[in-house]
């Protein structure tokens, strides 16, 4: 989390510093990125950097939190536009996330996050994993999702379902990047088909006979 002095900066300077961080973490994975490059791009003294952040990890995690908050806002917009229909909203949001992370302008940044950081760090980009983000999103979904066609009865079940969908998204994005690095790239369309099939299974189940149990 940035120090209090960061939040007292003019918006232009805060944005310049975050743009510099994103540029550096796009250029190189976390282990190879440097504070020297960040401060050079942002055109600030090294001493000033440490007035705003503890270290490289601190600014990296704040960048992740900002990305997660931005994507979370997009998800909220989609849910409202779809009048609370959860499954169509998840499908639309995940397609957007796949486009952005696999072939958008920030695809290299996302690749560095997913490949070089652990699952917990990578998943914070999807919708935000900080407790306040989770609570805000759950509250929003409980207030705005149409539950009439869902077998979801409470906030815990809703959170579990969204977590499952986001977990599959993380796995597919990671598989896409690792496939590219191994010399056997996956087509973006294939990644989307895999995600769509997974969501079909989450929505409808995989058993052909839904009417009863066969022992």
C-alpha atoms as a PDB file:
ATOM      1  CA  UNK A   1       0.000   0.000   0.000  1.00  0.00           C
ATOM      2  CA  UNK A   2       1.451   3.438  -0.857  1.00  0.00           C
ATOM      3  CA  UNK A   3       2.491   5.741   1.939  1.00  0.00           C
ATOM      4  CA  UNK A   4       0.310   8.720   2.845  1.00  0.00           C
ATOM      5  CA  UNK A   5       2.620  11.080   0.948  1.00  0.00           C
ATOM      6  CA  UNK A   6       1.684   9.376  -2.340  1.00  0.00           C
ATOM      7  CA  UNK A   7      -1.992  10.196  -1.903  1.00  0.00           C
ATOM      8  CA  UNK A   8      -1.144  13.854  -1.316  1.00  0.00           C
ATOM      9  CA  UNK A   9       0.527  14.144  -4.727  1.00  0.00           C
ATOM     10  CA  UNK A  10      -1.176  15.939  -7.623  1.00  0.00           C
ATOM     11  CA  UNK A  11      -3.169  13.534  -9.791  1.00  0.00           C
ATOM     12  CA  UNK A  12      -0.845  14.123 -12.744  1.00  0.00           C
ATOM     13  CA  UNK A  13       2.203  13.031 -10.748  1.00  0.00           C
ATOM     14  CA  UNK A  14       0.452   9.991  -9.304  1.00  0.00           C
ATOM     15  CA  UNK A  15      -0.620   8.912 -12.771  1.00  0.00           C
ATOM     16  CA  UNK A  16       2.876   9.504 -14.159  1.00  0.00           C
ATOM     17  CA  UNK A  17       4.367   7.279 -11.492  1.00  0.00           C
ATOM     18  CA  UNK A  18       1.835   4.503 -12.077  1.00  0.00           C
ATOM     19  CA  UNK A  19       2.311   4.720 -15.859  1.00  0.00           C
ATOM     20  CA  UNK A  20       6.045   4.351 -15.295  1.00  0.00           C
ATOM     21  CA  UNK A  21       5.479   1.269 -13.144  1.00  0.00           C
ATOM     22  CA  UNK A  22       3.206  -0.310 -15.741  1.00  0.00           C
ATOM     23  CA  UNK A  23       5.731   0.391 -18.483  1.00  0.00           C
ATOM     24  CA  UNK A  24       8.552  -1.208 -16.492  1.00  0.00           C
ATOM     25  CA  UNK A  25       6.536  -4.271 -15.444  1.00  0.00           C
ATOM     26  CA  UNK A  26       5.475  -4.640 -19.068  1.00  0.00           C
ATOM     27  CA  UNK A  27       9.112  -4.515 -20.177  1.00  0.00           C
ATOM     28  CA  UNK A  28      10.247  -7.146 -17.704  1.00  0.00           C
ATOM     29  CA  UNK A  29       8.834  -9.650 -15.202  1.00  0.00           C
ATOM     30  CA  UNK A  30       8.855  -8.651 -11.559  1.00  0.00           C
ATOM     31  CA  UNK A  31      12.227 -10.248 -10.753  1.00  0.00           C
ATOM     32  CA  UNK A  32      13.989  -8.334 -13.529  1.00  0.00           C
ATOM     33  CA  UNK A  33      12.131  -5.014 -13.266  1.00  0.00           C
ATOM     34  CA  UNK A  34      13.987  -2.220 -11.483  1.00  0.00           C
ATOM     35  CA  UNK A  35      13.132   0.800  -9.396  1.00  0.00           C
ATOM     36  CA  UNK A  36      15.876   2.683 -11.275  1.00  0.00           C
ATOM     37  CA  UNK A  37      13.939   2.352 -14.518  1.00  0.00           C
ATOM     38  CA  UNK A  38      10.654   3.339 -12.874  1.00  0.00           C
ATOM     39  CA  UNK A  39      12.063   6.562 -11.423  1.00  0.00           C
ATOM     40  CA  UNK A  40      13.842   7.361 -14.686  1.00  0.00           C
ATOM     41  CA  UNK A  41      10.618   6.987 -16.671  1.00  0.00           C
ATOM     42  CA  UNK A  42       8.632   8.932 -14.050  1.00  0.00           C
ATOM     43  CA  UNK A  43      11.372  11.570 -13.833  1.00  0.00           C
ATOM     44  CA  UNK A  44      11.522  11.630 -10.039  1.00  0.00           C
ATOM     45  CA  UNK A  45      14.494  11.302  -7.620  1.00  0.00           C
ATOM     46  CA  UNK A  46      15.118   7.909  -5.995  1.00  0.00           C
ATOM     47  CA  UNK A  47      14.527   9.456  -2.586  1.00  0.00           C
ATOM     48  CA  UNK A  48      11.081  10.601  -3.653  1.00  0.00           C
ATOM     49  CA  UNK A  49      10.146   7.048  -4.666  1.00  0.00           C
ATOM     50  CA  UNK A  50      10.798   5.799  -1.133  1.00  0.00           C
ATOM     51  CA  UNK A  51       8.647   8.600   0.233  1.00  0.00           C
ATOM     52  CA  UNK A  52       5.746   7.091  -1.712  1.00  0.00           C
ATOM     53  CA  UNK A  53       6.394   3.326  -1.634  1.00  0.00           C
ATOM     54  CA  UNK A  54       8.312   0.912   0.578  1.00  0.00           C
ATOM     55  CA  UNK A  55       9.910  -1.009  -2.285  1.00  0.00           C
ATOM     56  CA  UNK A  56       9.324  -2.580  -5.703  1.00  0.00           C
ATOM     57  CA  UNK A  57       6.872  -5.115  -4.269  1.00  0.00           C
ATOM     58  CA  UNK A  58       4.785  -2.298  -2.810  1.00  0.00           C
ATOM     59  CA  UNK A  59       4.293  -0.459  -6.099  1.00  0.00           C
ATOM     60  CA  UNK A  60       3.731  -3.723  -7.951  1.00  0.00           C
ATOM     61  CA  UNK A  61       0.961  -4.803  -5.590  1.00  0.00           C
ATOM     62  CA  UNK A  62      -0.634  -1.354  -5.817  1.00  0.00           C
ATOM     63  CA  UNK A  63      -0.564  -1.588  -9.596  1.00  0.00           C
ATOM     64  CA  UNK A  64      -2.298  -4.985  -9.350  1.00  0.00           C
ATOM     65  CA  UNK A  65      -4.920  -3.535  -7.028  1.00  0.00           C
ATOM     66  CA  UNK A  66      -5.625  -0.728  -9.504  1.00  0.00           C
ATOM     67  CA  UNK A  67      -5.984  -3.184 -12.380  1.00  0.00           C
ATOM     68  CA  UNK A  68      -8.306  -5.333 -10.292  1.00  0.00           C
ATOM     69  CA  UNK A  69     -10.423  -2.337  -9.302  1.00  0.00           C
ATOM     70  CA  UNK A  70     -10.655  -1.242 -12.939  1.00  0.00           C
ATOM     71  CA  UNK A  71     -11.778  -4.685 -14.084  1.00  0.00           C
ATOM     72  CA  UNK A  72     -14.192  -4.900 -11.163  1.00  0.00           C
ATOM     73  CA  UNK A  73     -15.790  -1.642 -12.270  1.00  0.00           C
ATOM     74  CA  UNK A  74     -16.211  -3.023 -15.784  1.00  0.00           C
ATOM     75  CA  UNK A  75     -17.889  -6.148 -14.377  1.00  0.00           C
ATOM     76  CA  UNK A  76     -20.328  -3.999 -12.408  1.00  0.00           C
ATOM     77  CA  UNK A  77     -21.191  -2.018 -15.539  1.00  0.00           C
ATOM     78  CA  UNK A  78     -21.853  -5.244 -17.441  1.00  0.00           C
ATOM     79  CA  UNK A  79     -24.092  -6.662 -14.689  1.00  0.00           C
ATOM     80  CA  UNK A  80     -26.170  -3.481 -14.618  1.00  0.00           C
ATOM     81  CA  UNK A  81     -26.450  -3.364 -18.404  1.00  0.00           C
ATOM     82  CA  UNK A  82     -27.621  -7.002 -18.423  1.00  0.00           C
ATOM     83  CA  UNK A  83     -30.231  -6.221 -15.766  1.00  0.00           C
ATOM     84  CA  UNK A  84     -28.649  -8.546 -13.216  1.00  0.00           C
ATOM     85  CA  UNK A  85     -28.373 -11.656 -15.413  1.00  0.00           C
ATOM     86  CA  UNK A  86     -25.310 -13.289 -13.844  1.00  0.00           C
ATOM     87  CA  UNK A  87     -24.317 -15.939 -16.399  1.00  0.00           C
ATOM     88  CA  UNK A  88     -24.528 -13.655 -19.483  1.00  0.00           C
ATOM     89  CA  UNK A  89     -22.658 -10.998 -17.515  1.00  0.00           C
ATOM     90  CA  UNK A  90     -19.877 -13.441 -16.624  1.00  0.00           C
ATOM     91  CA  UNK A  91     -19.609 -14.543 -20.242  1.00  0.00           C
ATOM     92  CA  UNK A  92     -19.362 -10.953 -21.500  1.00  0.00           C
ATOM     93  CA  UNK A  93     -16.869  -9.921 -18.836  1.00  0.00           C
ATOM     94  CA  UNK A  94     -14.660 -12.969 -19.335  1.00  0.00           C
ATOM     95  CA  UNK A  95     -14.555 -12.427 -23.099  1.00  0.00           C
ATOM     96  CA  UNK A  96     -13.506  -8.843 -22.415  1.00  0.00           C
ATOM     97  CA  UNK A  97     -10.843 -10.013 -19.952  1.00  0.00           C
ATOM     98  CA  UNK A  98      -9.520 -12.591 -22.431  1.00  0.00           C
ATOM     99  CA  UNK A  99      -9.305  -9.999 -25.212  1.00  0.00           C
ATOM    100  CA  UNK A 100      -7.478  -7.578 -22.951  1.00  0.00           C
ATOM    101  CA  UNK A 101      -5.060 -10.042 -21.393  1.00  0.00           C
ATOM    102  CA  UNK A 102      -4.274 -12.218 -24.410  1.00  0.00           C
ATOM    103  CA  UNK A 103      -4.075  -9.808 -27.323  1.00  0.00           C
ATOM    104  CA  UNK A 104      -4.711  -6.259 -26.114  1.00  0.00           C
ATOM    105  CA  UNK A 105      -2.195  -3.456 -25.613  1.00  0.00           C
ATOM    106  CA  UNK A 106      -1.516  -4.687 -22.087  1.00  0.00           C
ATOM    107  CA  UNK A 107      -1.123  -8.360 -22.995  1.00  0.00           C
ATOM    108  CA  UNK A 108       2.607  -8.381 -22.245  1.00  0.00           C
ATOM    109  CA  UNK A 109       1.958  -6.859 -18.821  1.00  0.00           C
ATOM    110  CA  UNK A 110      -0.634  -9.520 -18.055  1.00  0.00           C
ATOM    111  CA  UNK A 111       1.720 -12.211 -19.309  1.00  0.00           C
ATOM    112  CA  UNK A 112       4.435 -11.048 -16.923  1.00  0.00           C
ATOM    113  CA  UNK A 113       1.949 -11.059 -14.063  1.00  0.00           C
ATOM    114  CA  UNK A 114       0.544 -14.502 -14.787  1.00  0.00           C
ATOM    115  CA  UNK A 115       3.790 -16.306 -15.572  1.00  0.00           C
ATOM    116  CA  UNK A 116       6.183 -14.802 -13.068  1.00  0.00           C
ATOM    117  CA  UNK A 117       3.913 -14.252 -10.100  1.00  0.00           C
ATOM    118  CA  UNK A 118       2.035 -16.825  -8.041  1.00  0.00           C
ATOM    119  CA  UNK A 119      -1.650 -17.627  -8.479  1.00  0.00           C
ATOM    120  CA  UNK A 120      -2.695 -15.332  -5.637  1.00  0.00           C
ATOM    121  CA  UNK A 121      -0.975 -12.323  -7.197  1.00  0.00           C
ATOM    122  CA  UNK A 122      -2.314 -13.091 -10.659  1.00  0.00           C
ATOM    123  CA  UNK A 123      -5.873 -13.601  -9.482  1.00  0.00           C
ATOM    124  CA  UNK A 124      -5.895 -10.164  -7.855  1.00  0.00           C
ATOM    125  CA  UNK A 125      -6.089  -8.714 -11.351  1.00  0.00           C
ATOM    126  CA  UNK A 126      -9.355 -10.427 -12.237  1.00  0.00           C
ATOM    127  CA  UNK A 127     -11.765  -8.628  -9.916  1.00  0.00           C
ATOM    128  CA  UNK A 128      -9.563  -7.663  -6.974  1.00  0.00           C
ATOM    129  CA  UNK A 129      -8.761  -9.931  -4.028  1.00  0.00           C
ATOM    130  CA  UNK A 130      -8.337  -7.424  -1.214  1.00  0.00           C
ATOM    131  CA  UNK A 131     -10.968  -7.882   1.474  1.00  0.00           C
ATOM    132  CA  UNK A 132     -12.598  -4.502   0.850  1.00  0.00           C
ATOM    133  CA  UNK A 133     -12.848  -5.257  -2.888  1.00  0.00           C
ATOM    134  CA  UNK A 134     -14.379  -8.661  -2.173  1.00  0.00           C
ATOM    135  CA  UNK A 135     -16.903  -7.204   0.276  1.00  0.00           C
ATOM    136  CA  UNK A 136     -17.895  -4.366  -2.070  1.00  0.00           C
ATOM    137  CA  UNK A 137     -18.322  -6.720  -5.017  1.00  0.00           C
ATOM    138  CA  UNK A 138     -20.334  -9.254  -3.022  1.00  0.00           C
ATOM    139  CA  UNK A 139     -22.599  -6.513  -1.704  1.00  0.00           C
ATOM    140  CA  UNK A 140     -23.087  -5.150  -5.218  1.00  0.00           C
ATOM    141  CA  UNK A 141     -23.905  -8.575  -6.639  1.00  0.00           C
ATOM    142  CA  UNK A 142     -26.311  -9.438  -3.823  1.00  0.00           C
ATOM    143  CA  UNK A 143     -28.129  -6.155  -4.473  1.00  0.00           C
ATOM    144  CA  UNK A 144     -28.176  -6.341  -8.276  1.00  0.00           C
ATOM    145  CA  UNK A 145     -28.090  -9.953  -9.489  1.00  0.00           C
ATOM    146  CA  UNK A 146     -31.381 -11.522 -10.594  1.00  0.00           C
ATOM    147  CA  UNK A 147     -31.546 -14.734  -8.544  1.00  0.00           C
ATOM    148  CA  UNK A 148     -34.869 -15.945  -9.971  1.00  0.00           C
ATOM    149  CA  UNK A 149     -33.212 -18.425 -12.364  1.00  0.00           C
ATOM    150  CA  UNK A 150     -30.254 -19.360 -10.155  1.00  0.00           C
ATOM    151  CA  UNK A 151     -29.804 -22.121  -7.604  1.00  0.00           C
ATOM    152  CA  UNK A 152     -27.876 -19.725  -5.402  1.00  0.00           C
ATOM    153  CA  UNK A 153     -29.387 -18.992  -2.028  1.00  0.00           C
ATOM    154  CA  UNK A 154     -26.974 -16.763  -0.178  1.00  0.00           C
ATOM    155  CA  UNK A 155     -23.877 -14.581  -0.401  1.00  0.00           C
ATOM    156  CA  UNK A 156     -21.500 -17.454   0.336  1.00  0.00           C
ATOM    157  CA  UNK A 157     -22.824 -19.505  -2.579  1.00  0.00           C
ATOM    158  CA  UNK A 158     -22.707 -16.498  -4.893  1.00  0.00           C
ATOM    159  CA  UNK A 159     -19.083 -15.795  -3.953  1.00  0.00           C
ATOM    160  CA  UNK A 160     -18.208 -19.464  -4.488  1.00  0.00           C
ATOM    161  CA  UNK A 161     -19.733 -19.499  -7.973  1.00  0.00           C
ATOM    162  CA  UNK A 162     -17.972 -16.301  -9.086  1.00  0.00           C
ATOM    163  CA  UNK A 163     -14.718 -17.582  -7.581  1.00  0.00           C
ATOM    164  CA  UNK A 164     -15.029 -20.821  -9.564  1.00  0.00           C
ATOM    165  CA  UNK A 165     -15.596 -18.916 -12.810  1.00  0.00           C
ATOM    166  CA  UNK A 166     -12.650 -16.599 -12.160  1.00  0.00           C
ATOM    167  CA  UNK A 167     -10.476 -19.580 -11.235  1.00  0.00           C
ATOM    168  CA  UNK A 168     -11.156 -21.193 -14.600  1.00  0.00           C
ATOM    169  CA  UNK A 169     -10.330 -17.890 -16.292  1.00  0.00           C
ATOM    170  CA  UNK A 170      -6.973 -17.767 -14.480  1.00  0.00           C
ATOM    171  CA  UNK A 171      -6.158 -21.331 -15.519  1.00  0.00           C
ATOM    172  CA  UNK A 172      -6.961 -20.703 -19.176  1.00  0.00           C
ATOM    173  CA  UNK A 173      -4.946 -17.483 -19.325  1.00  0.00           C
ATOM    174  CA  UNK A 174      -1.988 -19.191 -17.636  1.00  0.00           C
ATOM    175  CA  UNK A 175      -2.237 -22.134 -20.042  1.00  0.00           C
ATOM    176  CA  UNK A 176      -2.303 -19.726 -22.993  1.00  0.00           C
ATOM    177  CA  UNK A 177       0.914 -18.012 -21.897  1.00  0.00           C
ATOM    178  CA  UNK A 178       2.750 -21.205 -21.026  1.00  0.00           C
ATOM    179  CA  UNK A 179       1.738 -22.734 -24.368  1.00  0.00           C
ATOM    180  CA  UNK A 180       3.192 -19.722 -26.181  1.00  0.00           C
ATOM    181  CA  UNK A 181       6.455 -20.000 -24.247  1.00  0.00           C
ATOM    182  CA  UNK A 182       6.733 -23.724 -24.977  1.00  0.00           C
ATOM    183  CA  UNK A 183       6.481 -23.171 -28.732  1.00  0.00           C
ATOM    184  CA  UNK A 184       2.948 -24.578 -29.067  1.00  0.00           C
ATOM    185  CA  UNK A 185       0.791 -21.448 -28.990  1.00  0.00           C
ATOM    186  CA  UNK A 186      -2.926 -21.617 -28.313  1.00  0.00           C
ATOM    187  CA  UNK A 187      -5.230 -19.568 -30.515  1.00  0.00           C
ATOM    188  CA  UNK A 188      -7.227 -16.878 -28.705  1.00  0.00           C
ATOM    189  CA  UNK A 189     -10.400 -18.299 -30.247  1.00  0.00           C
ATOM    190  CA  UNK A 190      -9.525 -21.690 -28.762  1.00  0.00           C
ATOM    191  CA  UNK A 191      -9.049 -20.131 -25.336  1.00  0.00           C
ATOM    192  CA  UNK A 192     -12.482 -18.507 -25.647  1.00  0.00           C
ATOM    193  CA  UNK A 193     -14.087 -21.799 -26.726  1.00  0.00           C
ATOM    194  CA  UNK A 194     -12.542 -23.557 -23.740  1.00  0.00           C
ATOM    195  CA  UNK A 195     -13.840 -20.864 -21.423  1.00  0.00           C
ATOM    196  CA  UNK A 196     -17.297 -20.994 -22.984  1.00  0.00           C
ATOM    197  CA  UNK A 197     -17.463 -24.767 -22.562  1.00  0.00           C
ATOM    198  CA  UNK A 198     -16.394 -24.461 -18.935  1.00  0.00           C
ATOM    199  CA  UNK A 199     -19.107 -21.886 -18.287  1.00  0.00           C
ATOM    200  CA  UNK A 200     -21.641 -24.171 -20.005  1.00  0.00           C
ATOM    201  CA  UNK A 201     -20.689 -26.915 -17.567  1.00  0.00           C
ATOM    202  CA  UNK A 202     -20.947 -24.550 -14.601  1.00  0.00           C
ATOM    203  CA  UNK A 203     -24.343 -23.380 -15.788  1.00  0.00           C
ATOM    204  CA  UNK A 204     -25.901 -26.666 -16.882  1.00  0.00           C
ATOM    205  CA  UNK A 205     -23.781 -29.454 -15.376  1.00  0.00           C
ATOM    206  CA  UNK A 206     -22.073 -32.259 -17.284  1.00  0.00           C
ATOM    207  CA  UNK A 207     -24.445 -35.161 -16.602  1.00  0.00           C
ATOM    208  CA  UNK A 208     -26.793 -36.000 -19.488  1.00  0.00           C
ATOM    209  CA  UNK A 209     -29.512 -37.287 -17.184  1.00  0.00           C
ATOM    210  CA  UNK A 210     -30.461 -34.523 -14.774  1.00  0.00           C
ATOM    211  CA  UNK A 211     -33.669 -36.239 -13.642  1.00  0.00           C
ATOM    212  CA  UNK A 212     -32.296 -38.669 -11.140  1.00  0.00           C
ATOM    213  CA  UNK A 213     -29.341 -40.526  -9.705  1.00  0.00           C
ATOM    214  CA  UNK A 214     -28.012 -43.807 -11.094  1.00  0.00           C
ATOM    215  CA  UNK A 215     -26.132 -45.964  -8.598  1.00  0.00           C
END
